[in-house]
Amino acid sequence: GPGPHGARMRRRYRLHYAAGSQSVQVVLAEGLKLSVGCATHVQGGRGPGAAKLMIAATSSLSEQTSVRVGVGVGQNSDLDVSMFGALSPHCMVHQKVAVSRSGSSASLTLHPWLSKTLRGKLGVSLGQDPSLTCGFTRRSSSSGHSVFGSLTMRPQGDGELSLQAKFKPAEDFSLRIAPSISPRGWAITVTCTKAFRDGLTKLQWALRVRRRSACVRLSLQRAGLRFVVPIDIWPETAGPLPAQELALALALWTLPPLGLRLIRELWLAGKSWRAFRQTEPGTAKDPGCDEAESAKAAAAAAAQASVAAAKEQRRLVSGEAARRRGEEELRQGLVILRAAYGDAEHVEDLDNRINSVIDVTDCLMAKVRQSQLHLSDAPKSSLLGFHEISGSPSVLRIHYRYGRTEHTRTFKDKEPVLLP
């Protein structure tokens, strides 16, 4: 049976809900894309479930304006139409109208660039959930760090003041800390995101703490596939959150990174053991000579594996790069025309056959977000699709278009990148 603590476990440590979604995007013609997907939601471990079919089409009306029409078919069917365009090179506008069985709404949001690294936000929403929102986003010019602040006001007085700080110590890992306060009380959300080497898979785990509740949420994203599993550690109906339950929530929040690290170490240890077992003893040689030859062979094998892995990564990001390029061309934003990484003397020649320069155009285009490209001061060889190149110090040369003007810039291996 469940034992003396079974009722307590069912009451406090329960699965809040489980959700999953999958979508596929198809390019029907130049400037026309169709997205088809589905989403499922199951309340609790054995509660009721719901499914929804989603169809959306995106088209460009002009060089600076795009429109999207989406339809959701399910228990609560809905229709939304949104338009994204540029009022000027320094201000973007987003308009949206949504209609569903529960009501309708309309919203208008402006995104002005206040400086090179500071972007504002001013939005108003009418209808089902009227609100007025103002905020800002500031990004670091030398790393992937950023700060976001927002104030939302509603007629019922149910507003919210929130702040989010993002720290990105590495290209494949980020940490977000988001405190907020509202008439319902305070809340703190800490989210970690880990990207896998293929660039298509992300693991995200979050801890949300309120004065009377705590929840851990785990989500896995693979291309267009997404799973979300939140677990209530302490529901609000159980009273104030005790220290031991908060410690348990923190322990569960740290399990994913520790588990991933353990699995990686075990995999590497197993790989090394298999390589050791497969090594056949040779004739007697000088121990020093054997060690030098083994080190040289291992270095050559590692270099070949790194080159092959980087080539496969560049192939995998080509689809994401094409999607980002299409979005940026519609808004006349940042488009990477050509990017090369390697020997400073040959970086302008991608057709050389000495493997001293690699084409990383798609790798950088896939990283463009909101017409900006941010790379930290970490070695460029650690980026997705890059690899170390022997010889003279490597540089990164980028030829890009922003608006209607083309530019070319060259960055050192450990120099941060901020475009435009």
Protein backbone atom coordinates (compact mmCIF):
# COMPACT_ATOMS: atom_id res chain seq x y z
CA GLY A 1 0.00 0.00 0.00
CA PRO A 2 1.01 3.67 -0.06
CA GLY A 3 2.16 3.59 3.61
CA PRO A 4 1.59 6.17 6.34
CA HIS A 5 2.87 9.04 4.16
CA GLY A 6 0.86 8.19 1.04
CA ALA A 7 -1.84 10.82 1.63
CA ARG A 8 0.78 13.48 2.28
CA MET A 9 2.64 12.60 -0.92
CA ARG A 10 -0.56 12.73 -2.97
CA ARG A 11 -1.60 16.04 -1.43
CA ARG A 12 1.67 17.92 -1.69
CA TYR A 13 3.86 16.35 -4.35
CA ARG A 14 1.55 16.11 -7.30
CA LEU A 15 1.82 16.48 -11.05
CA HIS A 16 0.13 19.77 -11.90
CA TYR A 17 -0.32 19.01 -15.59
CA ALA A 18 1.56 17.57 -18.56
CA ALA A 19 1.66 19.27 -21.95
CA GLY A 20 3.19 18.50 -25.31
CA SER A 21 3.23 20.13 -28.71
CA GLN A 22 4.67 19.49 -32.16
CA SER A 23 4.75 21.71 -35.24
CA VAL A 24 6.08 21.53 -38.78
CA GLN A 25 6.76 24.53 -41.04
CA VAL A 26 6.56 24.23 -44.83
CA VAL A 27 7.62 26.89 -47.35
CA LEU A 28 4.88 26.86 -50.00
CA ALA A 29 6.28 29.70 -52.09
CA GLU A 30 8.59 32.65 -51.82
CA GLY A 31 7.33 34.73 -48.91
CA LEU A 32 4.61 32.22 -47.94
CA LYS A 33 4.99 29.70 -45.11
CA LEU A 34 2.52 27.22 -43.63
CA SER A 35 2.82 25.82 -40.10
CA VAL A 36 0.82 22.79 -38.93
CA GLY A 37 0.96 21.49 -35.38
CA CYS A 38 -0.91 19.94 -32.51
CA ALA A 39 -0.88 20.37 -28.73
CA THR A 40 -2.07 18.20 -25.86
CA HIS A 41 -2.77 19.06 -22.23
CA VAL A 42 -3.53 16.59 -19.43
CA GLN A 43 -4.59 17.94 -16.04
CA GLY A 44 -2.88 16.09 -13.19
CA GLY A 45 -1.78 12.49 -13.35
CA ARG A 46 -5.21 11.05 -14.26
CA GLY A 47 -7.26 14.16 -14.91
CA PRO A 48 -9.11 15.27 -18.05
CA GLY A 49 -7.16 15.96 -21.21
CA ALA A 50 -7.57 18.24 -24.20
CA ALA A 51 -6.09 18.32 -27.70
CA LYS A 52 -5.82 21.13 -30.21
CA LEU A 53 -4.95 21.33 -33.90
CA MET A 54 -3.12 24.48 -34.98
CA ILE A 55 -2.73 25.81 -38.52
CA ALA A 56 -1.00 29.11 -39.33
CA ALA A 57 0.08 30.85 -42.52
CA THR A 58 2.65 33.66 -42.73
CA SER A 59 3.08 35.89 -45.74
CA SER A 60 4.96 39.08 -46.60
CA LEU A 61 2.85 42.01 -47.79
CA SER A 62 5.87 44.19 -48.49
CA GLU A 63 9.58 44.40 -47.72
CA GLN A 64 8.84 45.67 -44.20
CA THR A 65 5.47 44.10 -43.38
CA SER A 66 4.39 40.52 -42.75
CA VAL A 67 1.02 39.09 -41.72
CA ARG A 68 0.15 35.87 -39.91
CA VAL A 69 -3.22 34.09 -39.71
CA GLY A 70 -3.65 31.25 -37.24
CA VAL A 71 -6.54 28.89 -36.50
CA GLY A 72 -6.82 26.58 -33.50
CA VAL A 73 -9.38 23.76 -33.56
CA GLY A 74 -10.32 22.07 -30.27
CA GLN A 75 -12.51 22.49 -27.22
CA ASN A 76 -11.86 26.24 -27.29
CA SER A 77 -11.36 27.05 -30.98
CA ASP A 78 -9.81 30.39 -31.82
CA LEU A 79 -8.72 32.59 -34.70
CA ASP A 80 -5.97 35.21 -34.57
CA VAL A 81 -4.57 37.63 -37.13
CA SER A 82 -1.36 39.51 -36.46
CA MET A 83 0.74 41.96 -38.45
CA PHE A 84 4.38 42.84 -37.87
CA GLY A 85 6.04 45.79 -39.59
CA ALA A 86 8.41 48.72 -39.28
CA LEU A 87 7.25 52.30 -38.79
CA SER A 88 10.86 53.42 -39.22
CA PRO A 89 14.35 51.84 -39.04
CA HIS A 90 14.24 52.50 -35.29
CA CYS A 91 10.68 51.38 -34.40
CA MET A 92 8.79 48.13 -34.97
CA VAL A 93 5.04 47.66 -34.50
CA HIS A 94 3.02 44.51 -33.76
CA GLN A 95 -0.78 44.40 -34.17
CA LYS A 96 -2.96 41.42 -33.24
CA VAL A 97 -6.67 40.54 -33.22
CA ALA A 98 -7.90 37.29 -31.63
CA VAL A 99 -11.39 35.74 -31.48
CA SER A 100 -12.40 32.62 -29.51
CA ARG A 101 -15.46 31.12 -27.84
CA SER A 102 -14.56 32.81 -24.57
CA GLY A 103 -14.23 36.30 -26.05
CA SER A 104 -12.17 38.53 -28.33
CA SER A 105 -9.23 40.90 -27.92
CA ALA A 106 -7.10 43.34 -29.87
CA SER A 107 -3.60 44.59 -29.08
CA LEU A 108 -1.04 47.07 -30.38
CA THR A 109 2.62 47.01 -29.32
CA LEU A 110 5.47 49.37 -30.25
CA HIS A 111 9.15 48.39 -29.96
CA PRO A 112 11.33 51.51 -30.34
CA TRP A 113 15.13 51.34 -30.26
CA LEU A 114 16.20 53.85 -27.59
CA SER A 115 19.92 53.16 -28.10
CA LYS A 116 22.18 50.54 -29.66
CA THR A 117 21.64 48.14 -26.75
CA LEU A 118 18.38 49.44 -25.23
CA ARG A 119 14.95 48.66 -26.66
CA GLY A 120 11.64 49.93 -25.29
CA LYS A 121 8.17 48.42 -25.28
CA LEU A 122 4.75 50.08 -25.11
CA GLY A 123 1.61 48.01 -25.61
CA VAL A 124 -2.14 48.28 -25.11
CA SER A 125 -4.69 45.45 -25.17
CA LEU A 126 -8.49 45.75 -25.35
CA GLY A 127 -11.29 43.25 -25.08
CA GLN A 128 -11.19 40.08 -23.00
CA ASP A 129 -8.12 41.05 -20.95
CA PRO A 130 -7.56 44.83 -21.20
CA SER A 131 -4.16 46.02 -20.07
CA LEU A 132 -1.44 48.61 -20.57
CA THR A 133 2.19 47.44 -20.65
CA CYS A 134 5.44 49.36 -20.74
CA GLY A 135 8.92 47.91 -20.46
CA PHE A 136 12.47 47.78 -21.70
CA THR A 137 15.13 45.28 -22.79
CA ARG A 138 18.82 45.97 -22.43
CA ARG A 139 21.46 43.66 -23.88
CA SER A 140 25.15 43.60 -23.14
CA SER A 141 27.43 44.68 -25.97
CA SER A 142 30.17 42.21 -24.99
CA SER A 143 28.25 39.07 -23.96
CA GLY A 144 24.88 37.33 -24.08
CA HIS A 145 23.69 38.88 -20.81
CA SER A 146 20.46 40.93 -20.83
CA VAL A 147 17.97 42.63 -18.50
CA PHE A 148 14.22 42.92 -19.09
CA GLY A 149 11.73 44.97 -17.09
CA SER A 150 7.97 45.27 -17.49
CA LEU A 151 5.02 46.99 -15.78
CA THR A 152 1.51 45.76 -16.60
CA MET A 153 -1.59 47.66 -15.45
CA ARG A 154 -5.21 46.47 -15.63
CA PRO A 155 -8.55 48.21 -14.88
CA GLN A 156 -9.31 45.74 -12.07
CA GLY A 157 -6.10 46.73 -10.28
CA ASP A 158 -4.53 43.31 -10.94
CA GLY A 159 -1.26 44.67 -12.29
CA GLU A 160 2.24 43.23 -12.13
CA LEU A 161 5.79 44.56 -11.92
CA SER A 162 8.40 42.11 -13.18
CA LEU A 163 12.13 42.06 -13.80
CA GLN A 164 14.21 39.43 -15.57
CA ALA A 165 17.99 39.10 -15.66
CA LYS A 166 19.61 36.66 -18.08
CA PHE A 167 23.15 35.40 -17.58
CA LYS A 168 24.86 33.47 -20.37
CA PRO A 169 28.31 32.29 -19.25
CA ALA A 170 28.57 29.92 -22.24
CA GLU A 171 27.03 29.58 -25.69
CA ASP A 172 25.06 26.46 -24.71
CA PHE A 173 23.90 27.48 -21.23
CA SER A 174 21.87 30.35 -19.79
CA LEU A 175 20.36 31.24 -16.41
CA ARG A 176 17.31 33.49 -15.96
CA ILE A 177 16.23 35.02 -12.65
CA ALA A 178 12.80 36.66 -12.76
CA PRO A 179 11.31 38.25 -9.62
CA SER A 180 7.80 39.76 -9.80
CA ILE A 181 5.27 41.38 -7.50
CA SER A 182 1.51 41.82 -7.86
CA PRO A 183 -1.57 42.15 -5.62
CA ARG A 184 -1.50 38.34 -5.32
CA GLY A 185 1.96 38.47 -3.72
CA TRP A 186 5.58 38.03 -4.74
CA ALA A 187 7.13 35.31 -6.86
CA ILE A 188 10.64 34.32 -8.00
CA THR A 189 11.33 32.11 -11.00
CA VAL A 190 14.78 30.68 -11.72
CA THR A 191 15.19 29.00 -15.12
CA CYS A 192 18.16 27.14 -16.58
CA THR A 193 18.45 26.29 -20.28
CA LYS A 194 20.95 23.82 -21.69
CA ALA A 195 21.41 23.38 -25.45
CA PHE A 196 22.81 20.16 -26.83
CA ARG A 197 25.65 20.07 -29.33
CA ASP A 198 23.38 19.48 -32.32
CA GLY A 199 21.80 22.90 -31.77
CA LEU A 200 18.27 21.49 -32.18
CA THR A 201 17.65 20.10 -28.70
CA LYS A 202 17.17 22.14 -25.53
CA LEU A 203 16.50 21.06 -21.96
CA GLN A 204 14.93 23.63 -19.65
CA TRP A 205 14.17 23.34 -15.95
CA ALA A 206 12.58 26.05 -13.82
CA LEU A 207 11.79 26.61 -10.15
CA ARG A 208 8.95 28.99 -9.20
CA VAL A 209 8.61 29.97 -5.55
CA ARG A 210 5.81 31.95 -3.91
CA ARG A 211 5.13 32.59 -0.25
CA ARG A 212 2.66 29.68 -0.13
CA SER A 213 3.69 27.45 -3.06
CA ALA A 214 6.59 25.97 -4.99
CA CYS A 215 6.64 24.32 -8.41
CA VAL A 216 9.34 22.65 -10.53
CA ARG A 217 8.83 22.59 -14.31
CA LEU A 218 10.82 20.49 -16.76
CA SER A 219 10.56 20.98 -20.54
CA LEU A 220 12.30 19.33 -23.49
CA GLN A 221 12.41 20.88 -26.95
CA ARG A 222 13.59 19.12 -30.08
CA ALA A 223 13.15 21.10 -33.32
CA GLY A 224 9.33 21.55 -33.47
CA LEU A 225 8.62 19.09 -30.64
CA ARG A 226 8.07 20.28 -27.05
CA PHE A 227 7.13 18.54 -23.78
CA VAL A 228 6.35 20.31 -20.49
CA VAL A 229 5.94 18.59 -17.10
CA PRO A 230 5.38 20.85 -14.04
CA ILE A 231 5.26 19.30 -10.54
CA ASP A 232 3.72 21.04 -7.53
CA ILE A 233 6.05 20.63 -4.55
CA TRP A 234 3.80 22.62 -2.20
CA PRO A 235 0.31 23.80 -3.28
CA GLU A 236 -1.11 27.08 -1.97
CA THR A 237 -3.88 25.28 -0.06
CA ALA A 238 -1.30 23.62 2.21
CA GLY A 239 -0.37 26.90 3.94
CA PRO A 240 2.92 28.82 4.16
CA LEU A 241 5.92 27.18 2.50
CA PRO A 242 8.20 25.59 5.15
CA ALA A 243 11.98 25.61 4.85
CA GLN A 244 12.28 21.83 4.37
CA GLU A 245 9.90 21.89 1.40
CA LEU A 246 11.86 24.77 -0.16
CA ALA A 247 15.05 22.72 0.27
CA LEU A 248 13.34 19.80 -1.49
CA ALA A 249 12.31 22.06 -4.38
CA LEU A 250 15.89 23.31 -4.73
CA ALA A 251 17.16 19.72 -4.70
CA LEU A 252 14.76 18.71 -7.48
CA TRP A 253 15.74 21.81 -9.46
CA THR A 254 19.43 20.81 -9.36
CA LEU A 255 18.79 17.19 -10.42
CA PRO A 256 18.69 17.75 -14.23
CA PRO A 257 22.15 19.37 -14.57
CA LEU A 258 23.74 16.91 -12.15
CA GLY A 259 22.07 13.99 -13.92
CA LEU A 260 23.24 15.22 -17.34
CA ARG A 261 26.79 15.63 -16.07
CA LEU A 262 26.78 12.13 -14.55
CA ILE A 263 25.46 10.58 -17.77
CA ARG A 264 28.11 12.41 -19.80
CA GLU A 265 30.93 11.29 -17.49
CA LEU A 266 29.73 7.68 -17.59
CA TRP A 267 29.50 7.80 -21.39
CA LEU A 268 33.03 9.21 -21.73
CA ALA A 269 34.37 6.64 -19.26
CA GLY A 270 32.71 3.83 -21.18
CA LYS A 271 34.09 5.13 -24.47
CA SER A 272 37.61 5.29 -23.05
CA TRP A 273 37.29 1.76 -21.63
CA ARG A 274 36.12 0.35 -24.99
CA ALA A 275 39.01 2.06 -26.78
CA PHE A 276 41.43 0.59 -24.22
CA ARG A 277 40.01 -2.93 -24.62
CA GLN A 278 40.19 -2.73 -28.42
CA THR A 279 43.86 -1.73 -28.39
CA GLU A 280 46.03 -4.68 -29.40
CA PRO A 281 49.49 -5.05 -27.88
CA GLY A 282 52.26 -4.44 -30.44
CA THR A 283 55.91 -5.20 -30.56
CA ALA A 284 58.14 -3.94 -27.83
CA LYS A 285 59.11 -0.31 -28.37
CA ASP A 286 60.61 2.47 -26.40
CA PRO A 287 57.96 3.63 -23.87
CA GLY A 288 58.65 7.29 -24.59
CA CYS A 289 58.23 6.74 -28.32
CA ASP A 290 54.96 4.86 -27.74
CA GLU A 291 53.57 7.67 -25.61
CA ALA A 292 54.52 10.34 -28.16
CA GLU A 293 53.00 8.37 -31.06
CA SER A 294 49.86 7.65 -29.07
CA ALA A 295 49.45 11.31 -28.13
CA LYS A 296 49.97 12.37 -31.74
CA ALA A 297 47.47 9.82 -33.04
CA ALA A 298 44.93 10.80 -30.39
CA ALA A 299 45.30 14.50 -31.25
CA ALA A 300 44.86 13.78 -34.98
CA ALA A 301 41.78 11.65 -34.32
CA ALA A 302 40.27 14.31 -32.06
CA ALA A 303 40.88 17.00 -34.68
CA GLN A 304 39.21 14.91 -37.39
CA ALA A 305 36.25 14.20 -35.14
CA SER A 306 35.91 17.92 -34.33
CA VAL A 307 35.95 18.84 -38.03
CA ALA A 308 33.33 16.19 -38.85
CA ALA A 309 31.09 17.23 -35.94
CA ALA A 310 31.30 20.91 -36.94
CA LYS A 311 30.41 20.05 -40.55
CA GLU A 312 27.33 18.12 -39.40
CA GLN A 313 26.30 20.98 -37.12
CA ARG A 314 26.52 23.46 -40.00
CA ARG A 315 24.25 21.18 -42.02
CA LEU A 316 21.70 20.94 -39.19
CA VAL A 317 21.41 24.71 -38.63
CA SER A 318 20.82 25.49 -42.32
CA GLY A 319 17.04 25.22 -41.90
CA GLU A 320 16.95 27.53 -38.87
CA ALA A 321 19.24 29.98 -40.70
CA ALA A 322 16.89 30.07 -43.70
CA ARG A 323 13.93 30.78 -41.42
CA ARG A 324 15.75 33.59 -39.60
CA ARG A 325 16.99 35.04 -42.89
CA GLY A 326 13.44 35.18 -44.24
CA GLU A 327 12.17 36.96 -41.13
CA GLU A 328 14.97 39.52 -41.18
CA GLU A 329 14.56 40.22 -44.90
CA LEU A 330 10.86 40.94 -44.33
CA ARG A 331 11.62 43.57 -41.69
CA GLN A 332 14.81 44.80 -43.41
CA GLY A 333 16.78 43.81 -40.35
CA LEU A 334 20.12 42.07 -39.92
CA VAL A 335 21.00 39.58 -42.69
CA ILE A 336 24.33 37.73 -42.66
CA LEU A 337 25.43 37.65 -46.31
CA ARG A 338 28.76 35.91 -45.78
CA ALA A 339 30.81 34.88 -42.76
CA ALA A 340 34.17 33.13 -42.68
CA TYR A 341 36.31 31.91 -39.78
CA GLY A 342 39.95 30.90 -39.96
CA ASP A 343 43.41 32.06 -40.96
CA ALA A 344 43.57 35.85 -41.11
CA GLU A 345 45.56 35.72 -44.37
CA HIS A 346 43.02 33.55 -46.19
CA VAL A 347 39.75 34.51 -44.48
CA GLU A 348 38.54 36.29 -47.61
CA ASP A 349 38.95 33.14 -49.69
CA LEU A 350 36.41 30.42 -48.94
CA ASP A 351 37.44 28.42 -52.02
CA ASN A 352 40.92 27.52 -50.79
CA ARG A 353 41.63 23.83 -50.30
CA ILE A 354 43.96 23.99 -47.29
CA ASN A 355 41.17 23.75 -44.67
CA SER A 356 42.28 27.01 -43.06
CA VAL A 357 38.92 28.79 -43.53
CA ILE A 358 35.36 27.56 -42.93
CA ASP A 359 32.06 29.05 -44.08
CA VAL A 360 29.97 29.89 -40.98
CA THR A 361 27.31 32.05 -42.65
CA ASP A 362 24.40 29.82 -41.61
CA CYS A 363 25.83 29.35 -38.09
CA LEU A 364 25.70 33.09 -37.43
CA MET A 365 22.41 33.69 -39.25
CA ALA A 366 20.74 31.09 -37.04
CA LYS A 367 21.84 33.09 -33.96
CA VAL A 368 20.26 36.39 -35.09
CA ARG A 369 17.46 37.48 -32.76
CA GLN A 370 15.35 40.63 -33.23
CA SER A 371 17.83 42.02 -35.80
CA GLN A 372 20.78 41.61 -33.45
CA LEU A 373 23.72 39.20 -33.20
CA HIS A 374 25.49 38.78 -29.86
CA LEU A 375 28.59 36.63 -29.34
CA SER A 376 30.54 36.60 -26.08
CA ASP A 377 34.31 36.87 -25.68
CA ALA A 378 34.67 33.07 -25.57
CA PRO A 379 36.86 31.50 -28.32
CA LYS A 380 34.92 31.34 -31.57
CA SER A 381 35.98 27.70 -32.01
CA SER A 382 33.56 26.80 -29.19
CA LEU A 383 30.53 28.00 -31.18
CA LEU A 384 28.14 25.62 -32.92
CA GLY A 385 29.53 24.73 -36.35
CA PHE A 386 33.02 26.08 -35.62
CA HIS A 387 36.21 24.14 -34.86
CA GLU A 388 39.81 24.90 -34.03
CA ILE A 389 42.07 25.67 -36.98
CA SER A 390 45.80 25.12 -36.68
CA GLY A 391 48.24 27.74 -37.86
CA SER A 392 48.13 31.49 -37.33
CA PRO A 393 45.51 33.06 -35.01
CA SER A 394 42.00 32.77 -36.41
CA VAL A 395 39.65 35.68 -37.06
CA LEU A 396 35.94 36.00 -37.88
CA ARG A 397 35.02 38.11 -40.90
CA ILE A 398 31.33 39.02 -41.35
CA HIS A 399 29.74 40.66 -44.36
CA TYR A 400 26.16 41.65 -43.49
CA ARG A 401 23.29 43.88 -44.56
CA TYR A 402 21.28 46.01 -42.14
CA GLY A 403 18.40 47.92 -43.67
CA ARG A 404 19.62 48.76 -47.17
CA THR A 405 23.30 49.16 -46.34
CA GLU A 406 25.99 46.46 -46.45
CA HIS A 407 28.90 46.34 -44.00
CA THR A 408 31.99 44.19 -43.41
CA ARG A 409 33.68 43.73 -40.04
CA THR A 410 36.50 41.52 -38.75
CA PHE A 411 36.73 40.24 -35.17
CA LYS A 412 39.55 38.55 -33.30
CA ASP A 413 39.05 35.05 -31.92
CA LYS A 414 38.23 36.24 -28.39
CA GLU A 415 36.65 39.58 -29.30
CA PRO A 416 32.94 39.96 -28.48
CA VAL A 417 30.57 40.50 -31.40
CA LEU A 418 27.60 42.88 -31.37
CA LEU A 419 25.83 43.58 -34.66
CA PRO A 420 24.66 45.77 -36.24
